[in-house]
Amino acid sequence: MGRHTLKKRKGIVGIEAAIVLIAFVIISAAFAFMVINMGLFATQRSKDTIAQGLREASSPLQVDGSIFVRTTSDLDVNATIIPLRSMGVKYVPVGKEETVVSLSIVYREGSSVSYSNVYYGVVDTSFDPTGKSFDELAQAAQTYIDGTVEFEYNSTGQENLIVTYGVNETATFESVSSATIEIKRTDGREFTATYTPEGGTPDTKTDTTVTFTLDSSQLNGTLTLADIGVYTITVKAGSESETFTVVKGDLPAALLVVENSDGDEALDASEKGFLVLLLGDNKAEPRSIVTVEIRVERAAPLTIEFMVPESLTANAWMIATG
């Protein structure tokens, strides 16, 4: 009787040991999986950190060709064009909010002038620089930041109103006899706007929202924005309404013209950019040293330094000295 009981107790102990062993195996497997998973996660994070570090330590932009400067009749330089291309990435965000362009000019007698940020973003993405001269690129950049809107009214036939803004961007309203213009600055600040009818008296208003109501005799005219900023303008004529964006800038100014653009504010690997620098009254004289620093989001800046040639030809585009 005692032997049979002992055998039964030995069997129970064996089953318990097996259960404990299986539990240990399961726990060990789960722990091993957790360790491997954490290792893979740590490896991925390390890879991302290294990639981010490399991205922030190098610039995704490079100069892609010669730098050209435009001379005046006084043998000074009032504009320059720098060709750019993205490198090692699919695209580089180059919108006004993601990019900073700093400018410094050191004159030959030792004086200098510097600006922390002169960048106004991408010129209208619908503007194609293919086949355009450098003068046309510079004029497009100037037009983009002029802050003017042209109104052209045809009082015969269909009585069409054509509104021209930006770089040859237009909005057309048919069969109209009056229009309302509502203007706001995107930062909500107060500004001054002037509407000048053709052959009429200018109407100037200052507020956070400016509205002009025009009859048919005033529909030929020009709207001018006085203060630097980005504006939304809504034109209502007849039953139609259209809202568009207008930029008012100041010189010196840097703007990007994108060739082969897909319509966004990014410089893709398949696109080429032309950074247009308009110097305004800060003309660079011969042997001046111009430094341009381009900083895009989460990347090291691209610093470009060149010298204005000592010998210049008036009213021409010339290659700068690197």
C-alpha atoms as a PDB file:
ATOM      1  CA  MET A   1       0.000   0.000   0.000  1.00  0.00           C
ATOM      2  CA  GLY A   2       2.850   2.394   0.884  1.00  0.00           C
ATOM      3  CA  ARG A   3       4.769   1.590  -2.324  1.00  0.00           C
ATOM      4  CA  HIS A   4       1.805   2.383  -4.569  1.00  0.00           C
ATOM      5  CA  THR A   5       1.330   5.729  -2.841  1.00  0.00           C
ATOM      6  CA  LEU A   6       5.026   6.552  -3.301  1.00  0.00           C
ATOM      7  CA  LYS A   7       4.836   5.798  -7.038  1.00  0.00           C
ATOM      8  CA  LYS A   8       1.789   8.051  -7.436  1.00  0.00           C
ATOM      9  CA  ARG A   9       3.558  10.888  -5.580  1.00  0.00           C
ATOM     10  CA  LYS A  10       6.665  10.509  -7.798  1.00  0.00           C
ATOM     11  CA  GLY A  11       4.467  10.843 -10.915  1.00  0.00           C
ATOM     12  CA  ILE A  12       2.865  14.019  -9.610  1.00  0.00           C
ATOM     13  CA  VAL A  13       6.284  15.566  -8.859  1.00  0.00           C
ATOM     14  CA  GLY A  14       7.418  14.734 -12.403  1.00  0.00           C
ATOM     15  CA  ILE A  15       4.381  16.483 -13.923  1.00  0.00           C
ATOM     16  CA  GLU A  16       4.942  19.543 -11.713  1.00  0.00           C
ATOM     17  CA  ALA A  17       8.586  19.713 -12.767  1.00  0.00           C
ATOM     18  CA  ALA A  18       7.576  19.537 -16.429  1.00  0.00           C
ATOM     19  CA  ILE A  19       5.031  22.320 -15.960  1.00  0.00           C
ATOM     20  CA  VAL A  20       7.628  24.517 -14.248  1.00  0.00           C
ATOM     21  CA  LEU A  21      10.142  23.776 -17.014  1.00  0.00           C
ATOM     22  CA  ILE A  22       7.632  24.692 -19.735  1.00  0.00           C
ATOM     23  CA  ALA A  23       6.795  27.920 -17.890  1.00  0.00           C
ATOM     24  CA  PHE A  24      10.483  28.788 -17.732  1.00  0.00           C
ATOM     25  CA  VAL A  25      10.867  28.090 -21.462  1.00  0.00           C
ATOM     26  CA  ILE A  26       7.867  30.299 -22.307  1.00  0.00           C
ATOM     27  CA  ILE A  27       9.073  33.125 -20.083  1.00  0.00           C
ATOM     28  CA  SER A  28      12.594  32.840 -21.504  1.00  0.00           C
ATOM     29  CA  ALA A  29      11.223  32.953 -25.074  1.00  0.00           C
ATOM     30  CA  ALA A  30       9.105  36.012 -24.284  1.00  0.00           C
ATOM     31  CA  PHE A  31      12.058  37.722 -22.634  1.00  0.00           C
ATOM     32  CA  ALA A  32      14.327  36.834 -25.555  1.00  0.00           C
ATOM     33  CA  PHE A  33      11.755  38.243 -28.000  1.00  0.00           C
ATOM     34  CA  MET A  34      11.561  41.433 -25.960  1.00  0.00           C
ATOM     35  CA  VAL A  35      15.348  41.770 -25.920  1.00  0.00           C
ATOM     36  CA  ILE A  36      15.589  41.182 -29.682  1.00  0.00           C
ATOM     37  CA  ASN A  37      12.745  43.600 -30.362  1.00  0.00           C
ATOM     38  CA  MET A  38      14.342  46.272 -28.175  1.00  0.00           C
ATOM     39  CA  GLY A  39      17.624  45.660 -29.929  1.00  0.00           C
ATOM     40  CA  LEU A  40      16.029  46.127 -33.338  1.00  0.00           C
ATOM     41  CA  PHE A  41      14.231  49.251 -32.098  1.00  0.00           C
ATOM     42  CA  ALA A  42      17.456  50.669 -30.672  1.00  0.00           C
ATOM     43  CA  THR A  43      19.268  49.874 -33.933  1.00  0.00           C
ATOM     44  CA  GLN A  44      16.575  51.660 -35.967  1.00  0.00           C
ATOM     45  CA  ARG A  45      16.649  54.669 -33.643  1.00  0.00           C
ATOM     46  CA  SER A  46      20.425  54.752 -33.892  1.00  0.00           C
ATOM     47  CA  LYS A  47      20.149  54.633 -37.683  1.00  0.00           C
ATOM     48  CA  ASP A  48      17.605  57.469 -37.689  1.00  0.00           C
ATOM     49  CA  THR A  49      19.764  59.514 -35.309  1.00  0.00           C
ATOM     50  CA  ILE A  50      22.847  59.016 -37.450  1.00  0.00           C
ATOM     51  CA  ALA A  51      20.902  59.922 -40.603  1.00  0.00           C
ATOM     52  CA  GLN A  52      19.502  63.017 -38.900  1.00  0.00           C
ATOM     53  CA  GLY A  53      22.968  63.976 -37.701  1.00  0.00           C
ATOM     54  CA  LEU A  54      24.431  63.589 -41.179  1.00  0.00           C
ATOM     55  CA  ARG A  55      21.548  65.600 -42.638  1.00  0.00           C
ATOM     56  CA  GLU A  56      22.072  68.408 -40.131  1.00  0.00           C
ATOM     57  CA  ALA A  57      25.847  68.334 -40.611  1.00  0.00           C
ATOM     58  CA  SER A  58      25.679  68.744 -44.389  1.00  0.00           C
ATOM     59  CA  SER A  59      23.730  70.904 -46.796  1.00  0.00           C
ATOM     60  CA  PRO A  60      21.312  69.258 -49.235  1.00  0.00           C
ATOM     61  CA  LEU A  61      21.912  72.123 -51.679  1.00  0.00           C
ATOM     62  CA  GLN A  62      24.833  72.695 -54.007  1.00  0.00           C
ATOM     63  CA  VAL A  63      25.792  75.361 -56.515  1.00  0.00           C
ATOM     64  CA  ASP A  64      25.082  73.929 -59.952  1.00  0.00           C
ATOM     65  CA  GLY A  65      26.947  76.124 -62.387  1.00  0.00           C
ATOM     66  CA  SER A  66      28.436  79.601 -62.637  1.00  0.00           C
ATOM     67  CA  ILE A  67      27.293  82.587 -60.594  1.00  0.00           C
ATOM     68  CA  PHE A  68      26.298  85.575 -62.722  1.00  0.00           C
ATOM     69  CA  VAL A  69      26.137  89.255 -61.737  1.00  0.00           C
ATOM     70  CA  ARG A  70      24.267  92.048 -63.539  1.00  0.00           C
ATOM     71  CA  THR A  71      26.100  95.319 -64.050  1.00  0.00           C
ATOM     72  CA  THR A  72      24.648  98.812 -64.295  1.00  0.00           C
ATOM     73  CA  SER A  73      25.635 101.752 -66.492  1.00  0.00           C
ATOM     74  CA  ASP A  74      27.674 102.999 -63.511  1.00  0.00           C
ATOM     75  CA  LEU A  75      29.688  99.763 -63.493  1.00  0.00           C
ATOM     76  CA  ASP A  76      28.158  98.484 -60.256  1.00  0.00           C
ATOM     77  CA  VAL A  77      26.301  95.222 -59.633  1.00  0.00           C
ATOM     78  CA  ASN A  78      22.598  95.352 -58.702  1.00  0.00           C
ATOM     79  CA  ALA A  79      21.578  91.705 -59.128  1.00  0.00           C
ATOM     80  CA  THR A  80      23.011  88.210 -59.123  1.00  0.00           C
ATOM     81  CA  ILE A  81      21.773  84.746 -60.064  1.00  0.00           C
ATOM     82  CA  ILE A  82      22.996  81.596 -58.313  1.00  0.00           C
ATOM     83  CA  PRO A  83      22.042  78.209 -59.848  1.00  0.00           C
ATOM     84  CA  LEU A  84      21.127  75.559 -57.250  1.00  0.00           C
ATOM     85  CA  ARG A  85      20.288  71.873 -57.188  1.00  0.00           C
ATOM     86  CA  SER A  86      19.334  69.439 -54.412  1.00  0.00           C
ATOM     87  CA  MET A  87      21.884  66.757 -53.566  1.00  0.00           C
ATOM     88  CA  GLY A  88      21.465  63.385 -51.871  1.00  0.00           C
ATOM     89  CA  VAL A  89      17.777  63.852 -51.059  1.00  0.00           C
ATOM     90  CA  LYS A  90      14.484  63.537 -52.922  1.00  0.00           C
ATOM     91  CA  TYR A  91      13.537  67.142 -52.283  1.00  0.00           C
ATOM     92  CA  VAL A  92      14.449  70.211 -50.240  1.00  0.00           C
ATOM     93  CA  PRO A  93      11.682  72.440 -48.807  1.00  0.00           C
ATOM     94  CA  VAL A  94      12.420  75.978 -50.010  1.00  0.00           C
ATOM     95  CA  GLY A  95       9.270  77.862 -49.003  1.00  0.00           C
ATOM     96  CA  LYS A  96       9.502  81.198 -47.237  1.00  0.00           C
ATOM     97  CA  GLU A  97       8.795  79.615 -43.843  1.00  0.00           C
ATOM     98  CA  GLU A  98      11.420  76.855 -44.188  1.00  0.00           C
ATOM     99  CA  THR A  99      14.346  78.830 -45.626  1.00  0.00           C
ATOM    100  CA  VAL A 100      16.574  81.691 -44.498  1.00  0.00           C
ATOM    101  CA  VAL A 101      18.927  83.544 -46.841  1.00  0.00           C
ATOM    102  CA  SER A 102      21.478  85.851 -45.239  1.00  0.00           C
ATOM    103  CA  LEU A 103      23.421  88.416 -47.259  1.00  0.00           C
ATOM    104  CA  SER A 104      26.671  90.248 -46.602  1.00  0.00           C
ATOM    105  CA  ILE A 105      28.567  92.650 -48.874  1.00  0.00           C
ATOM    106  CA  VAL A 106      32.093  93.796 -47.994  1.00  0.00           C
ATOM    107  CA  TYR A 107      33.185  96.745 -50.109  1.00  0.00           C
ATOM    108  CA  ARG A 108      36.750  97.206 -51.277  1.00  0.00           C
ATOM    109  CA  GLU A 109      37.394 100.171 -48.956  1.00  0.00           C
ATOM    110  CA  GLY A 110      36.474  97.993 -45.961  1.00  0.00           C
ATOM    111  CA  SER A 111      32.892  99.016 -45.165  1.00  0.00           C
ATOM    112  CA  SER A 112      30.188  96.361 -45.182  1.00  0.00           C
ATOM    113  CA  VAL A 113      26.452  95.776 -45.021  1.00  0.00           C
ATOM    114  CA  SER A 114      24.697  92.634 -43.746  1.00  0.00           C
ATOM    115  CA  TYR A 115      21.124  91.322 -43.664  1.00  0.00           C
ATOM    116  CA  SER A 116      19.884  88.441 -41.523  1.00  0.00           C
ATOM    117  CA  ASN A 117      17.157  87.267 -43.909  1.00  0.00           C
ATOM    118  CA  VAL A 118      16.253  88.612 -47.359  1.00  0.00           C
ATOM    119  CA  TYR A 119      14.324  85.598 -48.621  1.00  0.00           C
ATOM    120  CA  TYR A 120      10.779  85.980 -49.983  1.00  0.00           C
ATOM    121  CA  GLY A 121      10.175  82.433 -51.173  1.00  0.00           C
ATOM    122  CA  VAL A 122       9.501  80.820 -54.530  1.00  0.00           C
ATOM    123  CA  VAL A 123       8.373  82.995 -57.428  1.00  0.00           C
ATOM    124  CA  ASP A 124       4.999  81.804 -58.810  1.00  0.00           C
ATOM    125  CA  THR A 125       5.395  78.078 -59.491  1.00  0.00           C
ATOM    126  CA  SER A 126       3.551  78.554 -62.802  1.00  0.00           C
ATOM    127  CA  PHE A 127       6.411  80.741 -64.060  1.00  0.00           C
ATOM    128  CA  ASP A 128       8.679  78.607 -66.253  1.00  0.00           C
ATOM    129  CA  PRO A 129      12.239  79.960 -66.660  1.00  0.00           C
ATOM    130  CA  THR A 130      12.959  77.667 -69.612  1.00  0.00           C
ATOM    131  CA  GLY A 131      14.072  79.805 -72.522  1.00  0.00           C
ATOM    132  CA  LYS A 132      13.963  82.993 -70.443  1.00  0.00           C
ATOM    133  CA  SER A 133      16.868  85.432 -70.212  1.00  0.00           C
ATOM    134  CA  PHE A 134      18.456  86.376 -66.889  1.00  0.00           C
ATOM    135  CA  ASP A 135      16.854  89.799 -67.262  1.00  0.00           C
ATOM    136  CA  GLU A 136      13.437  88.124 -67.478  1.00  0.00           C
ATOM    137  CA  LEU A 137      14.176  86.069 -64.353  1.00  0.00           C
ATOM    138  CA  ALA A 138      15.206  89.203 -62.457  1.00  0.00           C
ATOM    139  CA  GLN A 139      12.127  91.067 -63.694  1.00  0.00           C
ATOM    140  CA  ALA A 140       9.861  88.189 -62.617  1.00  0.00           C
ATOM    141  CA  ALA A 141      11.413  88.282 -59.140  1.00  0.00           C
ATOM    142  CA  GLN A 142      10.932  92.049 -58.952  1.00  0.00           C
ATOM    143  CA  THR A 143       7.324  91.814 -60.144  1.00  0.00           C
ATOM    144  CA  TYR A 144       6.566  89.107 -57.576  1.00  0.00           C
ATOM    145  CA  ILE A 145       7.442  91.367 -54.618  1.00  0.00           C
ATOM    146  CA  ASP A 146       6.173  94.678 -56.038  1.00  0.00           C
ATOM    147  CA  GLY A 147       2.854  94.339 -54.240  1.00  0.00           C
ATOM    148  CA  THR A 148       0.807  95.741 -57.129  1.00  0.00           C
ATOM    149  CA  VAL A 149      -2.358  94.448 -58.799  1.00  0.00           C
ATOM    150  CA  GLU A 150      -3.500  95.724 -62.204  1.00  0.00           C
ATOM    151  CA  PHE A 151      -7.180  96.061 -63.141  1.00  0.00           C
ATOM    152  CA  GLU A 152      -8.121  96.224 -66.819  1.00  0.00           C
ATOM    153  CA  TYR A 153     -11.747  96.752 -67.780  1.00  0.00           C
ATOM    154  CA  ASN A 154     -13.328  96.360 -71.207  1.00  0.00           C
ATOM    155  CA  SER A 155     -16.494  98.454 -71.146  1.00  0.00           C
ATOM    156  CA  THR A 156     -17.676  97.245 -74.544  1.00  0.00           C
ATOM    157  CA  GLY A 157     -19.019  93.866 -75.576  1.00  0.00           C
ATOM    158  CA  GLN A 158     -19.013  91.458 -72.615  1.00  0.00           C
ATOM    159  CA  GLU A 159     -17.708  94.068 -70.138  1.00  0.00           C
ATOM    160  CA  ASN A 160     -14.857  91.859 -68.906  1.00  0.00           C
ATOM    161  CA  LEU A 161     -12.617  92.707 -65.963  1.00  0.00           C
ATOM    162  CA  ILE A 162      -9.098  91.225 -66.004  1.00  0.00           C
ATOM    163  CA  VAL A 163      -7.087  91.303 -62.781  1.00  0.00           C
ATOM    164  CA  THR A 164      -3.320  90.732 -63.132  1.00  0.00           C
ATOM    165  CA  TYR A 165      -1.190  89.870 -60.076  1.00  0.00           C
ATOM    166  CA  GLY A 166       2.029  88.052 -59.215  1.00  0.00           C
ATOM    167  CA  VAL A 167       3.961  87.032 -62.327  1.00  0.00           C
ATOM    168  CA  ASN A 168       1.425  87.147 -65.149  1.00  0.00           C
ATOM    169  CA  GLU A 169      -1.267  85.484 -63.023  1.00  0.00           C
ATOM    170  CA  THR A 170      -4.741  86.624 -64.057  1.00  0.00           C
ATOM    171  CA  ALA A 171      -8.345  86.379 -62.939  1.00  0.00           C
ATOM    172  CA  THR A 172     -11.138  87.184 -65.397  1.00  0.00           C
ATOM    173  CA  PHE A 173     -14.664  88.318 -64.525  1.00  0.00           C
ATOM    174  CA  GLU A 174     -17.322  88.502 -67.227  1.00  0.00           C
ATOM    175  CA  SER A 175     -20.318  90.853 -67.625  1.00  0.00           C
ATOM    176  CA  VAL A 176     -19.555  93.136 -64.689  1.00  0.00           C
ATOM    177  CA  SER A 177     -20.222  96.818 -64.029  1.00  0.00           C
ATOM    178  CA  SER A 178     -18.742  97.124 -60.537  1.00  0.00           C
ATOM    179  CA  ALA A 179     -16.339  95.332 -58.184  1.00  0.00           C
ATOM    180  CA  THR A 180     -15.335  95.092 -54.535  1.00  0.00           C
ATOM    181  CA  ILE A 181     -11.745  94.539 -53.394  1.00  0.00           C
ATOM    182  CA  GLU A 182     -11.127  93.209 -49.872  1.00  0.00           C
ATOM    183  CA  ILE A 183      -7.517  93.096 -48.659  1.00  0.00           C
ATOM    184  CA  LYS A 184      -6.054  91.492 -45.527  1.00  0.00           C
ATOM    185  CA  ARG A 185      -2.516  90.893 -44.342  1.00  0.00           C
ATOM    186  CA  THR A 186      -1.872  87.295 -43.303  1.00  0.00           C
ATOM    187  CA  ASP A 187      -0.308  88.332 -39.980  1.00  0.00           C
ATOM    188  CA  GLY A 188      -3.379  90.442 -39.126  1.00  0.00           C
ATOM    189  CA  ARG A 189      -1.395  93.671 -38.764  1.00  0.00           C
ATOM    190  CA  GLU A 190      -2.484  97.107 -39.952  1.00  0.00           C
ATOM    191  CA  PHE A 191      -1.354  98.199 -43.418  1.00  0.00           C
ATOM    192  CA  THR A 192      -1.846 100.875 -46.064  1.00  0.00           C
ATOM    193  CA  ALA A 193      -3.232 100.264 -49.544  1.00  0.00           C
ATOM    194  CA  THR A 194      -3.903 102.656 -52.415  1.00  0.00           C
ATOM    195  CA  TYR A 195      -6.184 102.203 -55.401  1.00  0.00           C
ATOM    196  CA  THR A 196      -5.524 104.568 -58.300  1.00  0.00           C
ATOM    197  CA  PRO A 197      -8.118 104.643 -61.098  1.00  0.00           C
ATOM    198  CA  GLU A 198      -6.773 105.421 -64.542  1.00  0.00           C
ATOM    199  CA  GLY A 199      -6.901 109.199 -64.880  1.00  0.00           C
ATOM    200  CA  GLY A 200      -8.500 109.505 -61.425  1.00  0.00           C
ATOM    201  CA  THR A 201      -7.574 110.451 -57.871  1.00  0.00           C
ATOM    202  CA  PRO A 202      -5.757 107.869 -55.703  1.00  0.00           C
ATOM    203  CA  ASP A 203      -7.751 106.469 -52.770  1.00  0.00           C
ATOM    204  CA  THR A 204      -5.568 105.510 -49.782  1.00  0.00           C
ATOM    205  CA  LYS A 205      -6.804 103.553 -46.773  1.00  0.00           C
ATOM    206  CA  THR A 206      -5.137 102.208 -43.627  1.00  0.00           C
ATOM    207  CA  ASP A 207      -6.613  99.402 -41.507  1.00  0.00           C
ATOM    208  CA  THR A 208      -6.325  95.682 -40.711  1.00  0.00           C
ATOM    209  CA  THR A 209      -8.876  95.047 -43.466  1.00  0.00           C
ATOM    210  CA  VAL A 210      -9.140  97.455 -46.392  1.00  0.00           C
ATOM    211  CA  THR A 211     -12.074  97.468 -48.810  1.00  0.00           C
ATOM    212  CA  PHE A 212     -12.468  99.377 -52.075  1.00  0.00           C
ATOM    213  CA  THR A 213     -15.826  99.541 -53.873  1.00  0.00           C
ATOM    214  CA  LEU A 214     -15.421 100.419 -57.550  1.00  0.00           C
ATOM    215  CA  ASP A 215     -17.951 101.419 -60.186  1.00  0.00           C
ATOM    216  CA  SER A 216     -17.464 100.972 -63.925  1.00  0.00           C
ATOM    217  CA  SER A 217     -15.565 104.277 -64.265  1.00  0.00           C
ATOM    218  CA  GLN A 218     -12.937 103.085 -61.757  1.00  0.00           C
ATOM    219  CA  LEU A 219     -12.335  99.525 -62.923  1.00  0.00           C
ATOM    220  CA  ASN A 220      -9.240 100.484 -64.932  1.00  0.00           C
ATOM    221  CA  GLY A 221      -6.609 101.103 -62.291  1.00  0.00           C
ATOM    222  CA  THR A 222      -3.786  99.901 -60.047  1.00  0.00           C
ATOM    223  CA  LEU A 223      -3.839  98.607 -56.474  1.00  0.00           C
ATOM    224  CA  THR A 224      -0.604  99.261 -54.559  1.00  0.00           C
ATOM    225  CA  LEU A 225       0.398  97.852 -51.162  1.00  0.00           C
ATOM    226  CA  ALA A 226       2.722 100.050 -49.108  1.00  0.00           C
ATOM    227  CA  ASP A 227       3.825  97.751 -46.262  1.00  0.00           C
ATOM    228  CA  ILE A 228       6.019  94.661 -46.452  1.00  0.00           C
ATOM    229  CA  GLY A 229       4.049  91.449 -45.966  1.00  0.00           C
ATOM    230  CA  VAL A 230       1.936  88.710 -47.503  1.00  0.00           C
ATOM    231  CA  TYR A 231      -1.640  89.630 -48.410  1.00  0.00           C
ATOM    232  CA  THR A 232      -4.822  87.845 -49.397  1.00  0.00           C
ATOM    233  CA  ILE A 233      -6.948  89.803 -51.847  1.00  0.00           C
ATOM    234  CA  THR A 234     -10.541  88.904 -52.650  1.00  0.00           C
ATOM    235  CA  VAL A 235     -12.124  90.436 -55.741  1.00  0.00           C
ATOM    236  CA  LYS A 236     -15.896  90.197 -56.079  1.00  0.00           C
ATOM    237  CA  ALA A 237     -17.372  91.219 -59.431  1.00  0.00           C
ATOM    238  CA  GLY A 238     -20.921  90.346 -60.465  1.00  0.00           C
ATOM    239  CA  SER A 239     -21.695  86.830 -59.260  1.00  0.00           C
ATOM    240  CA  GLU A 240     -18.035  85.770 -59.265  1.00  0.00           C
ATOM    241  CA  SER A 241     -15.420  85.916 -56.533  1.00  0.00           C
ATOM    242  CA  GLU A 242     -11.755  84.992 -56.479  1.00  0.00           C
ATOM    243  CA  THR A 243      -9.096  85.117 -53.739  1.00  0.00           C
ATOM    244  CA  PHE A 244      -5.366  85.190 -54.427  1.00  0.00           C
ATOM    245  CA  THR A 245      -2.088  85.972 -52.646  1.00  0.00           C
ATOM    246  CA  VAL A 246       0.147  88.996 -53.261  1.00  0.00           C
ATOM    247  CA  VAL A 247       3.597  89.606 -51.756  1.00  0.00           C
ATOM    248  CA  LYS A 248       5.045  93.016 -50.934  1.00  0.00           C
ATOM    249  CA  GLY A 249       8.794  92.927 -50.374  1.00  0.00           C
ATOM    250  CA  ASP A 250      11.741  95.240 -50.041  1.00  0.00           C
ATOM    251  CA  LEU A 251      15.256  95.282 -51.464  1.00  0.00           C
ATOM    252  CA  PRO A 252      17.634  93.612 -51.084  1.00  0.00           C
ATOM    253  CA  ALA A 253      15.585  90.510 -51.772  1.00  0.00           C
ATOM    254  CA  ALA A 254      16.250  86.875 -52.608  1.00  0.00           C
ATOM    255  CA  LEU A 255      13.723  84.789 -54.536  1.00  0.00           C
ATOM    256  CA  LEU A 256      13.877  81.333 -56.054  1.00  0.00           C
ATOM    257  CA  VAL A 257      12.806  80.557 -59.619  1.00  0.00           C
ATOM    258  CA  VAL A 258      12.341  76.802 -60.177  1.00  0.00           C
ATOM    259  CA  GLU A 259      12.801  75.141 -63.547  1.00  0.00           C
ATOM    260  CA  ASN A 260      10.725  72.029 -64.300  1.00  0.00           C
ATOM    261  CA  SER A 261       8.589  72.816 -61.250  1.00  0.00           C
ATOM    262  CA  ASP A 262       5.854  70.387 -60.208  1.00  0.00           C
ATOM    263  CA  GLY A 263       3.912  73.203 -58.540  1.00  0.00           C
ATOM    264  CA  ASP A 264       5.107  72.925 -54.925  1.00  0.00           C
ATOM    265  CA  GLU A 265       7.549  74.992 -52.872  1.00  0.00           C
ATOM    266  CA  ALA A 266      10.281  72.364 -52.847  1.00  0.00           C
ATOM    267  CA  LEU A 267      13.372  71.801 -54.942  1.00  0.00           C
ATOM    268  CA  ASP A 268      13.148  68.212 -56.164  1.00  0.00           C
ATOM    269  CA  ALA A 269      16.050  66.167 -57.475  1.00  0.00           C
ATOM    270  CA  SER A 270      14.632  66.571 -60.996  1.00  0.00           C
ATOM    271  CA  GLU A 271      14.348  70.371 -60.698  1.00  0.00           C
ATOM    272  CA  LYS A 272      16.828  73.214 -60.886  1.00  0.00           C
ATOM    273  CA  GLY A 273      16.598  76.444 -58.941  1.00  0.00           C
ATOM    274  CA  PHE A 274      17.846  79.916 -59.749  1.00  0.00           C
ATOM    275  CA  LEU A 275      18.295  82.072 -56.663  1.00  0.00           C
ATOM    276  CA  VAL A 276      17.782  85.661 -57.799  1.00  0.00           C
ATOM    277  CA  LEU A 277      19.329  88.327 -55.551  1.00  0.00           C
ATOM    278  CA  LEU A 278      18.105  91.875 -56.130  1.00  0.00           C
ATOM    279  CA  LEU A 279      20.427  94.276 -54.316  1.00  0.00           C
ATOM    280  CA  GLY A 280      18.497  97.534 -54.743  1.00  0.00           C
ATOM    281  CA  ASP A 281      20.453 100.522 -53.427  1.00  0.00           C
ATOM    282  CA  ASN A 282      23.145  98.258 -51.916  1.00  0.00           C
ATOM    283  CA  LYS A 283      24.954  97.857 -55.205  1.00  0.00           C
ATOM    284  CA  ALA A 284      28.194  95.902 -55.120  1.00  0.00           C
ATOM    285  CA  GLU A 285      31.155  97.634 -56.692  1.00  0.00           C
ATOM    286  CA  PRO A 286      34.126  95.936 -58.396  1.00  0.00           C
ATOM    287  CA  ARG A 287      36.199  93.737 -56.044  1.00  0.00           C
ATOM    288  CA  SER A 288      33.415  93.656 -53.455  1.00  0.00           C
ATOM    289  CA  ILE A 289      33.056  90.334 -51.659  1.00  0.00           C
ATOM    290  CA  VAL A 290      29.488  89.003 -51.532  1.00  0.00           C
ATOM    291  CA  THR A 291      28.573  86.224 -49.092  1.00  0.00           C
ATOM    292  CA  VAL A 292      25.241  84.421 -49.307  1.00  0.00           C
ATOM    293  CA  GLU A 293      24.234  81.859 -46.676  1.00  0.00           C
ATOM    294  CA  ILE A 294      21.278  79.612 -47.445  1.00  0.00           C
ATOM    295  CA  ARG A 295      19.855  77.658 -44.521  1.00  0.00           C
ATOM    296  CA  VAL A 296      17.048  75.195 -45.154  1.00  0.00           C
ATOM    297  CA  GLU A 297      15.084  73.321 -42.523  1.00  0.00           C
ATOM    298  CA  ARG A 298      17.049  70.757 -40.446  1.00  0.00           C
ATOM    299  CA  ALA A 299      20.278  71.035 -42.420  1.00  0.00           C
ATOM    300  CA  ALA A 300      23.604  72.798 -42.348  1.00  0.00           C
ATOM    301  CA  PRO A 301      23.760  76.073 -44.255  1.00  0.00           C
ATOM    302  CA  LEU A 302      25.221  76.396 -47.721  1.00  0.00           C
ATOM    303  CA  THR A 303      27.663  79.326 -47.720  1.00  0.00           C
ATOM    304  CA  ILE A 304      28.483  80.899 -51.067  1.00  0.00           C
ATOM    305  CA  GLU A 305      31.180  83.540 -51.368  1.00  0.00           C
ATOM    306  CA  PHE A 306      32.227  85.298 -54.552  1.00  0.00           C
ATOM    307  CA  MET A 307      33.957  88.480 -55.675  1.00  0.00           C
ATOM    308  CA  VAL A 308      32.632  91.018 -58.132  1.00  0.00           C
ATOM    309  CA  PRO A 309      35.066  91.103 -61.080  1.00  0.00           C
ATOM    310  CA  GLU A 310      37.438  94.054 -61.147  1.00  0.00           C
ATOM    311  CA  SER A 311      36.797  94.728 -64.816  1.00  0.00           C
ATOM    312  CA  LEU A 312      33.109  95.131 -65.651  1.00  0.00           C
ATOM    313  CA  THR A 313      31.143  95.725 -68.830  1.00  0.00           C
ATOM    314  CA  ALA A 314      28.202  98.085 -68.444  1.00  0.00           C
ATOM    315  CA  ASN A 315      24.639  96.706 -68.594  1.00  0.00           C
ATOM    316  CA  ALA A 316      25.653  93.055 -68.927  1.00  0.00           C
ATOM    317  CA  TRP A 317      25.539  89.734 -67.095  1.00  0.00           C
ATOM    318  CA  MET A 318      29.029  88.561 -66.152  1.00  0.00           C
ATOM    319  CA  ILE A 319      30.479  85.539 -64.360  1.00  0.00           C
ATOM    320  CA  ALA A 320      31.546  86.264 -60.787  1.00  0.00           C
ATOM    321  CA  THR A 321      34.905  85.224 -59.396  1.00  0.00           C
ATOM    322  CA  GLY A 322      34.640  82.324 -56.957  1.00  0.00           C
END
